Each structure stands twice: as C-alpha cells, then as structure tokens.
Amino acid sequence: MTREEAIDRVLAMLAQLGFEPELDGGRLLLRACPFRAVADRRPDVTCSVHLGLMRGALAEMGAPVEIVNLQPFSAPHPCVANLSKSDASHAEAGPARTARRME
C-alpha cells in the first residue's frame, strides 16, 4: 500500500465519522468534531481516542505513514494531525494481512 492510498483510506474513514477531513501537505485537517461537546470538556480523553483511532487504522493497513501527533482545536480548524513516514519494517509487515480485514 502506498502512502497516498493509506491517507485516502483514513480520510474516507474520518469523513464517514463526521470529521470533514482535508489533506494539507503533511497534515490532516479535521474541520469538524462529531464529539465537540465532549471534547470541549475533556479534550485530553476525546482527542486521545481520535489519535488512537487514526494511528490504529494506519497500523492495521501496514501503512508507510503514521500520525505523529494531534493538535486539538488548532485555529482555524478544530484539529490538526501531523503525518510522518513510518518505520519501513513495520510498513512491510502488514498490508497483505490487514487488507482482508479492512474490506
């Protein structure tokens, strides 16, 4: 799986969940938060779950990209997820195995 394919799949997943994601260079911009009311009160918990969701999806794909961090409520967008290349050995370990689970 290429970096672009992995990012496209994560963008599709986030769109289905209501985040209104957008790719901006090496960042995913999350223009909406479907859990904004909870995130306003407990961003530490809510944003950690969202970060884990994105990282887990990419790991399951064996993607050659990972989410470095999530900056909650970064103006003018609610959140910014910063991307980076992942460890090549990790990326080679999973694509064939996880493609069956993701479909």
Protein backbone atom coordinates (compact mmCIF):
# COMPACT_ATOMS: atom_id res chain seq x y z
CA MET A 1 0.00 0.00 0.00
CA THR A 2 1.30 3.42 -0.86
CA ARG A 3 1.33 6.46 1.40
CA GLU A 4 -1.35 8.10 -0.74
CA GLU A 5 -3.63 5.04 -0.64
CA ALA A 6 -3.33 4.84 3.15
CA ILE A 7 -4.08 8.53 3.58
CA ASP A 8 -7.07 8.26 1.24
CA ARG A 9 -8.47 5.38 3.31
CA VAL A 10 -8.03 7.28 6.57
CA LEU A 11 -9.63 10.37 5.03
CA ALA A 12 -12.59 8.26 3.93
CA MET A 13 -12.92 6.74 7.40
CA LEU A 14 -12.77 10.15 9.08
CA ALA A 15 -15.32 11.55 6.61
CA GLN A 16 -17.72 8.71 7.41
CA LEU A 17 -17.36 9.54 11.10
CA GLY A 18 -18.17 13.21 10.51
CA PHE A 19 -14.77 14.89 10.90
CA GLU A 20 -14.84 16.63 7.50
CA PRO A 21 -11.13 15.87 6.94
CA GLU A 22 -8.87 17.53 4.42
CA LEU A 23 -5.29 16.78 3.41
CA ASP A 24 -2.99 19.80 3.58
CA GLY A 25 0.55 18.75 2.71
CA GLY A 26 1.83 16.69 5.62
CA ARG A 27 -1.23 17.36 7.76
CA LEU A 28 -4.76 16.12 8.08
CA LEU A 29 -7.12 18.97 8.92
CA LEU A 30 -10.20 17.88 10.83
CA ARG A 31 -12.69 20.66 10.17
CA ALA A 32 -15.44 19.21 12.36
CA CYS A 33 -15.54 17.14 15.50
CA PRO A 34 -18.59 14.91 15.93
CA PHE A 35 -17.80 14.85 19.65
CA ARG A 36 -17.16 18.58 20.07
CA ALA A 37 -19.36 18.98 23.17
CA VAL A 38 -17.43 16.26 24.97
CA ALA A 39 -14.09 17.42 23.54
CA ASP A 40 -14.67 20.93 24.89
CA ARG A 41 -14.96 19.50 28.40
CA ARG A 42 -12.43 16.64 28.15
CA PRO A 43 -10.08 17.21 25.21
CA ASP A 44 -7.44 15.02 26.84
CA VAL A 45 -9.69 11.97 26.60
CA THR A 46 -11.56 12.71 23.39
CA CYS A 47 -8.53 13.77 21.37
CA SER A 48 -6.51 10.79 22.63
CA VAL A 49 -9.23 8.45 21.36
CA HIS A 50 -9.24 10.16 17.96
CA LEU A 51 -5.44 10.00 17.74
CA GLY A 52 -5.55 6.31 18.64
CA LEU A 53 -8.23 5.67 16.03
CA MET A 54 -6.13 7.20 13.25
CA ARG A 55 -2.90 5.53 14.40
CA GLY A 56 -4.64 2.18 14.73
CA ALA A 57 -6.17 2.37 11.26
CA LEU A 58 -2.81 3.16 9.67
CA ALA A 59 -1.08 0.42 11.66
CA GLU A 60 -3.71 -2.15 10.62
CA MET A 61 -3.09 -1.22 6.99
CA GLY A 62 0.66 -1.56 7.43
CA ALA A 63 0.83 1.95 6.01
CA PRO A 64 4.14 3.66 5.27
CA VAL A 65 2.83 6.75 7.11
CA GLU A 66 1.89 7.48 10.69
CA ILE A 67 0.26 10.21 12.74
CA VAL A 68 2.97 11.96 14.76
CA ASN A 69 0.61 13.99 16.94
CA LEU A 70 -2.79 15.62 17.09
CA GLN A 71 -3.07 19.31 17.86
CA PRO A 72 -6.57 19.84 19.22
CA PHE A 73 -8.53 22.94 18.29
CA SER A 74 -5.79 24.46 16.10
CA ALA A 75 -7.15 27.64 14.54
CA PRO A 76 -8.82 27.94 12.14
CA HIS A 77 -9.52 24.18 12.18
CA PRO A 78 -10.61 22.21 15.22
CA CYS A 79 -7.73 19.72 15.00
CA VAL A 80 -4.55 19.09 13.00
CA ALA A 81 -3.00 15.62 12.72
CA ASN A 82 0.64 15.75 11.59
CA LEU A 83 1.88 12.95 9.33
CA SER A 84 5.29 11.33 9.05
CA LYS A 85 6.82 8.35 7.31
CA SER A 86 6.60 5.22 9.43
CA ASP A 87 9.24 2.59 10.11
CA ALA A 88 9.71 0.70 6.83
CA SER A 89 9.92 -2.69 8.57
CA HIS A 90 6.52 -2.04 10.19
CA ALA A 91 5.03 -1.00 6.85
CA GLU A 92 6.23 -4.18 5.17
CA ALA A 93 4.78 -6.41 7.89
CA GLY A 94 1.12 -5.75 7.47
CA PRO A 95 -0.50 -4.82 4.14
CA ALA A 96 -1.46 -8.29 2.89
CA ARG A 97 -2.73 -9.35 6.30
CA THR A 98 -4.78 -6.25 7.01
CA ALA A 99 -6.26 -5.70 3.55
CA ARG A 100 -8.62 -8.63 4.14
CA ARG A 101 -9.80 -7.22 7.48
CA MET A 102 -10.37 -3.69 6.19
CA GLU A 103 -12.55 -4.69 3.21
